[in-house]
Amino acid sequence: MMETVVSGIRSTGKLHLGNYYGAIKNFIKMQNENRCFFFIADYHALTTHPKPDDLHGNIKQILAEYLACGIDPDKATLFVQSDVPEVSELYLLLNMNAYVGELERTASFKEKIRKHPDNINAGLLTYPVLMAADIIIHKATKVPVGKDQEQHLEMTRRFARRFNTIYGVEYFPEPDAYNFGMELIKIPGLDGSGKMGKSEGNGIFLSDTPQAIRKKVMSAVTDTGPTEKGQEMSEPVKNLFSIMDVVSQKEVTDHFREKYFSCEIRYGDLKKQLAEDLIVSLTPIREKLNEILADNKYLARVVKEGGEKARESAARTVREVREIIGYRPF
């Protein structure tokens, strides 16, 4: 059965290794098997970055990176969120049946107001409603989500169910999480803790030059080394091996694991090898990215065609939703 899949990424920075191996490689597979809508979430970006330094440049960068990674605009609908104004209308209509109490209880809202007490805006509070509009406007049945977004997806299901109940219809499907199973790869950061992220300063970006990659990897957190054979790895060292598992040949990782457990590991050698393997893996993407960024005509065509396909789907939904609610022509 072909599923309708919707996924977005905020336009607040460049894509990193975790984005690529954790999600985008799965998106490439999904686009061959499902009806996919992939978008750059530039409205969402304003909830925490109300005055971005270069909103257009960020959108262009993320769009080009999607394409350089292998998202095919002929197979998937690739578009910019703000090019589909119907999303804003559905967001407004869903807000009429979204309650302040349930929005205030979301974990992400509590975390954001703790970190940014000077920027508690209405968009931040209703972030889950906009996310729901993004998803159900295309009648998605599957949504790829990380652990931190599971609560938002459950709220999307709730809003879809609430609409159906209030108006006595079976209109919106309740989307499920897209389960990658064993294919889901979590890439840790270089700082020895947590996952790789944009704002943590612990990431390898797809656009990084070889020089930048070498510098970042060589400064990655490690420890003083094992003191006895078979000693369990510390979290920072385990993280480096996790990245190596993804980008290096098996015999390479096996070699360094053997050196670790025999107390012969030299972290400098490990880092040098990891840096070179990262460069080999990411150079084709970076070179393709630079080509795409230089081709404004191609980017303009992708955005125009993707926006038109997304609007066709979204307009149909909003038209039908308006009729269900009772907005009809005289």
Protein backbone atom coordinates (compact mmCIF):
# COMPACT_ATOMS: atom_id res chain seq x y z
CA MET A 1 0.00 0.00 0.00
CA MET A 2 1.36 3.42 -0.96
CA GLU A 3 1.42 5.78 2.02
CA THR A 4 1.27 9.57 1.97
CA VAL A 5 4.33 10.81 3.86
CA VAL A 6 4.94 14.39 5.06
CA SER A 7 8.15 15.68 6.65
CA GLY A 8 9.73 19.08 7.10
CA ILE A 9 12.97 20.59 8.33
CA ARG A 10 13.34 24.06 9.81
CA SER A 11 15.26 26.64 7.81
CA THR A 12 17.52 27.63 10.68
CA GLY A 13 20.85 26.25 9.58
CA LYS A 14 22.79 23.80 7.48
CA LEU A 15 22.17 20.06 7.44
CA HIS A 16 24.62 17.91 9.37
CA LEU A 17 25.76 14.31 9.36
CA GLY A 18 22.98 13.33 11.75
CA ASN A 19 20.30 14.73 9.42
CA TYR A 20 21.74 12.83 6.47
CA TYR A 21 22.25 9.40 8.00
CA GLY A 22 19.41 9.70 10.49
CA ALA A 23 16.63 10.80 8.14
CA ILE A 24 17.47 11.91 4.62
CA LYS A 25 18.85 8.56 3.46
CA ASN A 26 15.53 7.09 4.54
CA PHE A 27 13.67 9.87 2.70
CA ILE A 28 15.48 8.87 -0.49
CA LYS A 29 14.16 5.34 -0.07
CA MET A 30 10.66 6.55 0.84
CA GLN A 31 10.33 8.70 -2.28
CA ASN A 32 10.57 5.56 -4.40
CA GLU A 33 7.81 3.78 -2.48
CA ASN A 34 5.36 6.45 -1.30
CA ARG A 35 3.64 9.74 -2.12
CA CYS A 36 6.02 12.11 -0.35
CA PHE A 37 5.84 15.79 0.59
CA PHE A 38 9.16 17.19 1.88
CA PHE A 39 9.23 20.87 2.83
CA ILE A 40 11.43 23.59 4.27
CA ALA A 41 9.61 24.80 7.39
CA ASP A 42 10.36 28.51 7.21
CA TYR A 43 7.26 29.53 9.21
CA HIS A 44 8.29 27.22 12.06
CA ALA A 45 11.74 28.82 12.07
CA LEU A 46 10.24 32.16 13.12
CA THR A 47 8.94 30.76 16.42
CA THR A 48 12.44 30.81 17.90
CA HIS A 49 14.22 33.02 15.34
CA PRO A 50 11.75 35.89 14.76
CA LYS A 51 14.40 37.98 13.02
CA PRO A 52 16.70 35.56 11.14
CA ASP A 53 19.90 37.02 9.73
CA ASP A 54 19.28 35.61 6.25
CA LEU A 55 15.96 33.79 5.93
CA HIS A 56 16.14 33.51 2.14
CA GLY A 57 19.73 32.28 2.25
CA ASN A 58 18.84 29.65 4.85
CA ILE A 59 15.92 28.40 2.75
CA LYS A 60 18.11 28.21 -0.35
CA GLN A 61 20.82 26.32 1.55
CA ILE A 62 18.45 23.68 2.95
CA LEU A 63 16.70 23.27 -0.41
CA ALA A 64 20.03 22.75 -2.21
CA GLU A 65 21.20 20.31 0.46
CA TYR A 66 18.05 18.21 0.11
CA LEU A 67 18.69 18.02 -3.63
CA ALA A 68 22.41 17.32 -3.26
CA CYS A 69 21.64 14.42 -0.91
CA GLY A 70 19.41 12.77 -3.49
CA ILE A 71 15.84 13.98 -2.94
CA ASP A 72 14.36 13.86 -6.45
CA PRO A 73 11.78 16.59 -7.20
CA ASP A 74 10.37 14.39 -9.96
CA LYS A 75 9.56 11.67 -7.42
CA ALA A 76 8.72 13.67 -4.29
CA THR A 77 7.00 17.03 -3.84
CA LEU A 78 9.75 19.32 -2.53
CA PHE A 79 8.57 22.79 -1.54
CA VAL A 80 8.87 25.78 0.79
CA GLN A 81 6.21 26.00 3.51
CA SER A 82 5.51 29.71 2.97
CA ASP A 83 4.77 29.08 -0.73
CA VAL A 84 1.59 27.24 0.32
CA PRO A 85 -0.71 29.87 1.93
CA GLU A 86 -3.43 27.25 2.40
CA VAL A 87 -1.37 25.92 5.32
CA SER A 88 -1.93 29.23 7.12
CA GLU A 89 -5.69 29.02 6.63
CA LEU A 90 -5.91 25.45 7.92
CA TYR A 91 -3.66 26.46 10.84
CA LEU A 92 -6.16 29.22 11.68
CA LEU A 93 -9.15 26.88 11.48
CA LEU A 94 -7.46 24.20 13.61
CA ASN A 95 -6.53 26.82 16.21
CA MET A 96 -10.23 27.39 16.84
CA ASN A 97 -10.41 23.92 18.36
CA ALA A 98 -6.98 23.79 20.02
CA TYR A 99 -7.02 24.56 23.73
CA VAL A 100 -4.52 26.72 25.58
CA GLY A 101 -4.16 24.23 28.43
CA GLU A 102 -3.14 21.33 26.19
CA LEU A 103 -0.71 23.52 24.27
CA GLU A 104 0.92 24.83 27.46
CA ARG A 105 1.50 21.26 28.64
CA THR A 106 3.66 20.22 25.68
CA ALA A 107 7.21 19.33 26.67
CA SER A 108 8.77 21.36 23.85
CA PHE A 109 6.88 24.53 24.87
CA LYS A 110 8.00 24.16 28.49
CA GLU A 111 11.59 23.66 27.38
CA LYS A 112 11.56 26.63 24.99
CA ILE A 113 10.13 29.07 27.54
CA ARG A 114 12.74 27.89 30.02
CA LYS A 115 15.55 28.51 27.54
CA HIS A 116 14.08 31.67 25.98
CA PRO A 117 11.93 33.42 28.62
CA ASP A 118 12.14 36.69 26.67
CA ASN A 119 10.53 35.19 23.54
CA ILE A 120 7.32 33.42 24.65
CA ASN A 121 5.22 34.17 21.58
CA ALA A 122 1.86 32.87 20.35
CA GLY A 123 3.54 31.06 17.46
CA LEU A 124 5.66 29.09 19.91
CA LEU A 125 2.57 28.12 21.90
CA THR A 126 0.67 26.99 18.79
CA TYR A 127 3.65 25.29 17.13
CA PRO A 128 1.93 21.86 17.38
CA VAL A 129 -1.13 23.24 15.55
CA LEU A 130 0.96 24.51 12.65
CA MET A 131 2.76 21.17 12.55
CA ALA A 132 -0.63 19.43 12.43
CA ALA A 133 -1.74 21.67 9.56
CA ASP A 134 1.44 20.86 7.62
CA ILE A 135 0.71 17.16 7.97
CA ILE A 136 -3.02 16.73 7.60
CA ILE A 137 -3.39 19.26 4.79
CA HIS A 138 -1.98 16.51 2.53
CA LYS A 139 -3.92 13.79 4.38
CA ALA A 140 -0.68 12.16 5.46
CA THR A 141 -0.83 8.63 6.80
CA LYS A 142 2.83 8.42 7.86
CA VAL A 143 5.18 10.98 9.43
CA PRO A 144 8.90 10.40 10.09
CA VAL A 145 9.50 11.82 13.57
CA GLY A 146 12.29 11.76 16.09
CA LYS A 147 11.79 11.00 19.76
CA ASP A 148 11.45 14.71 20.56
CA GLN A 149 8.55 15.09 18.12
CA GLU A 150 6.44 12.12 19.19
CA GLN A 151 4.22 14.25 21.44
CA HIS A 152 3.57 16.67 18.58
CA LEU A 153 2.53 13.83 16.30
CA GLU A 154 0.13 12.57 18.95
CA MET A 155 -1.36 16.07 19.08
CA THR A 156 -1.70 16.02 15.29
CA ARG A 157 -3.69 12.80 15.63
CA ARG A 158 -5.79 14.44 18.33
CA PHE A 159 -6.55 17.53 16.21
CA ALA A 160 -7.49 15.36 13.21
CA ARG A 161 -9.75 13.20 15.40
CA ARG A 162 -11.29 16.29 17.04
CA PHE A 163 -12.14 17.84 13.68
CA ASN A 164 -13.77 14.60 12.53
CA THR A 165 -15.76 14.34 15.77
CA ILE A 166 -16.95 17.96 15.89
CA TYR A 167 -18.21 17.94 12.31
CA GLY A 168 -19.39 14.34 12.22
CA VAL A 169 -17.13 13.25 9.36
CA GLU A 170 -14.35 10.78 8.67
CA TYR A 171 -12.28 13.27 6.73
CA PHE A 172 -8.75 13.44 8.15
CA PRO A 173 -6.78 10.21 8.66
CA GLU A 174 -4.86 9.97 11.93
CA PRO A 175 -1.22 9.70 10.81
CA ASP A 176 1.15 7.21 12.39
CA ALA A 177 4.87 7.55 12.99
CA TYR A 178 6.98 6.20 10.14
CA ASN A 179 8.97 3.43 11.79
CA PHE A 180 12.43 3.09 10.29
CA GLY A 181 13.14 0.10 12.52
CA MET A 182 16.75 -1.03 12.31
CA GLU A 183 17.36 1.50 9.52
CA LEU A 184 17.14 4.44 11.93
CA ILE A 185 20.67 5.61 12.64
CA LYS A 186 21.39 8.07 15.44
CA ILE A 187 24.56 10.08 14.94
CA PRO A 188 26.14 11.41 18.15
CA GLY A 189 27.90 14.74 18.47
CA LEU A 190 31.63 15.38 18.69
CA ASP A 191 31.36 16.89 22.16
CA GLY A 192 30.98 13.53 23.86
CA SER A 193 27.32 13.75 24.76
CA GLY A 194 23.91 13.76 23.14
CA LYS A 195 23.01 13.74 19.47
CA MET A 196 24.54 15.84 16.74
CA GLY A 197 22.71 19.17 16.42
CA LYS A 198 22.82 22.56 14.73
CA SER A 199 22.94 24.70 17.83
CA GLU A 200 25.15 22.53 20.04
CA GLY A 201 28.35 23.22 18.09
CA ASN A 202 29.08 19.49 17.92
CA GLY A 203 28.29 18.72 14.30
CA ILE A 204 29.87 17.87 10.97
CA PHE A 205 27.92 19.73 8.28
CA LEU A 206 27.37 18.44 4.75
CA SER A 207 28.88 21.65 3.40
CA ASP A 208 32.05 21.49 5.55
CA THR A 209 35.35 21.60 3.68
CA PRO A 210 37.98 18.89 4.24
CA GLN A 211 39.98 21.35 6.32
CA ALA A 212 36.96 22.09 8.54
CA ILE A 213 36.21 18.39 8.99
CA ARG A 214 39.80 17.61 10.02
CA LYS A 215 39.83 20.48 12.50
CA LYS A 216 36.51 19.45 14.09
CA VAL A 217 37.35 15.76 14.35
CA MET A 218 40.83 16.34 15.74
CA SER A 219 39.32 18.51 18.51
CA ALA A 220 36.58 15.98 19.35
CA VAL A 221 36.26 15.00 23.00
CA THR A 222 37.92 11.73 24.08
CA ASP A 223 39.38 10.52 27.39
CA THR A 224 42.78 9.49 28.73
CA GLY A 225 42.52 6.03 27.17
CA PRO A 226 41.83 2.52 28.52
CA THR A 227 43.92 1.36 31.45
CA GLU A 228 43.05 -2.34 31.32
CA LYS A 229 42.18 -4.79 28.56
CA GLY A 230 38.49 -5.14 27.78
CA GLN A 231 37.62 -1.88 29.55
CA GLU A 232 34.24 -0.44 28.57
CA MET A 233 34.40 2.66 26.39
CA SER A 234 33.48 6.06 27.78
CA GLU A 235 30.60 7.88 26.08
CA PRO A 236 32.82 10.28 24.07
CA VAL A 237 34.94 7.43 22.64
CA LYS A 238 31.88 5.30 21.97
CA ASN A 239 30.46 8.26 20.00
CA LEU A 240 33.51 8.40 17.74
CA PHE A 241 33.21 4.70 17.01
CA SER A 242 29.48 5.17 16.27
CA ILE A 243 30.34 7.73 13.60
CA MET A 244 33.12 5.50 12.28
CA ASP A 245 30.62 2.61 11.97
CA VAL A 246 28.68 4.73 9.49
CA VAL A 247 31.44 6.17 7.31
CA SER A 248 34.38 3.74 7.54
CA GLN A 249 35.04 0.27 6.19
CA LYS A 250 34.30 -2.55 8.63
CA GLU A 251 37.91 -3.70 8.70
CA VAL A 252 38.95 -0.18 9.71
CA THR A 253 36.55 0.00 12.64
CA ASP A 254 37.45 -3.55 13.66
CA HIS A 255 41.13 -2.59 13.66
CA PHE A 256 40.63 0.39 15.98
CA ARG A 257 38.27 -1.51 18.28
CA GLU A 258 40.90 -4.21 18.65
CA LYS A 259 43.49 -1.54 19.44
CA TYR A 260 41.17 -0.04 22.06
CA PHE A 261 40.39 -3.28 23.87
CA SER A 262 44.07 -4.27 23.86
CA CYS A 263 45.01 -0.85 25.35
CA GLU A 264 47.07 0.06 22.26
CA ILE A 265 44.72 2.74 20.93
CA ARG A 266 46.15 6.08 19.83
CA TYR A 267 43.25 8.51 19.61
CA GLY A 268 45.18 10.74 17.24
CA ASP A 269 45.39 7.90 14.70
CA LEU A 270 41.70 7.11 15.19
CA LYS A 271 40.70 10.73 14.60
CA LYS A 272 42.89 11.09 11.50
CA GLN A 273 41.33 7.99 9.97
CA LEU A 274 37.81 9.10 10.88
CA ALA A 275 38.37 12.56 9.38
CA GLU A 276 39.61 11.12 6.07
CA ASP A 277 36.69 8.67 5.89
CA LEU A 278 34.25 11.51 6.55
CA ILE A 279 35.84 13.53 3.77
CA VAL A 280 35.51 10.62 1.33
CA SER A 281 31.83 10.18 2.28
CA LEU A 282 30.82 13.84 2.20
CA THR A 283 32.91 15.29 -0.65
CA PRO A 284 30.51 14.11 -3.43
CA ILE A 285 27.58 15.74 -1.57
CA ARG A 286 29.51 18.97 -0.97
CA GLU A 287 30.58 19.18 -4.63
CA LYS A 288 27.02 18.54 -5.82
CA LEU A 289 25.76 21.11 -3.32
CA ASN A 290 28.08 23.79 -4.67
CA GLU A 291 26.90 23.07 -8.22
CA ILE A 292 23.26 23.38 -7.23
CA LEU A 293 23.79 26.57 -5.19
CA ALA A 294 25.34 28.16 -8.28
CA ASP A 295 22.33 27.26 -10.47
CA ASN A 296 19.60 29.69 -9.46
CA LYS A 297 17.45 28.81 -12.48
CA TYR A 298 17.32 25.17 -11.43
CA LEU A 299 16.48 26.05 -7.82
CA ALA A 300 13.76 28.46 -8.97
CA ARG A 301 12.22 25.76 -11.17
CA VAL A 302 12.29 23.17 -8.37
CA VAL A 303 10.62 25.57 -5.93
CA LYS A 304 8.00 26.70 -8.47
CA GLU A 305 7.02 23.18 -9.52
CA GLY A 306 7.10 21.84 -5.97
CA GLY A 307 5.00 24.73 -4.70
CA GLU A 308 2.42 24.19 -7.44
CA LYS A 309 2.08 20.48 -6.64
CA ALA A 310 1.84 21.16 -2.91
CA ARG A 311 -0.75 23.91 -3.42
CA GLU A 312 -2.87 21.66 -5.59
CA SER A 313 -3.04 19.11 -2.78
CA ALA A 314 -3.47 21.73 -0.04
CA ALA A 315 -6.12 23.77 -1.88
CA ARG A 316 -8.28 20.68 -2.37
CA THR A 317 -8.16 19.96 1.37
CA VAL A 318 -8.91 23.54 2.44
CA ARG A 319 -11.79 23.79 -0.03
CA GLU A 320 -13.33 20.61 1.37
CA VAL A 321 -12.67 21.64 4.99
CA ARG A 322 -14.42 24.98 4.41
CA GLU A 323 -17.44 23.16 3.00
CA ILE A 324 -17.51 20.75 5.97
CA ILE A 325 -17.41 23.64 8.44
CA GLY A 326 -20.12 25.50 6.54
CA TYR A 327 -18.34 28.11 4.41
CA ARG A 328 -20.21 27.85 1.13
CA PRO A 329 -20.83 30.24 -1.78
CA PHE A 330 -24.27 31.87 -2.09
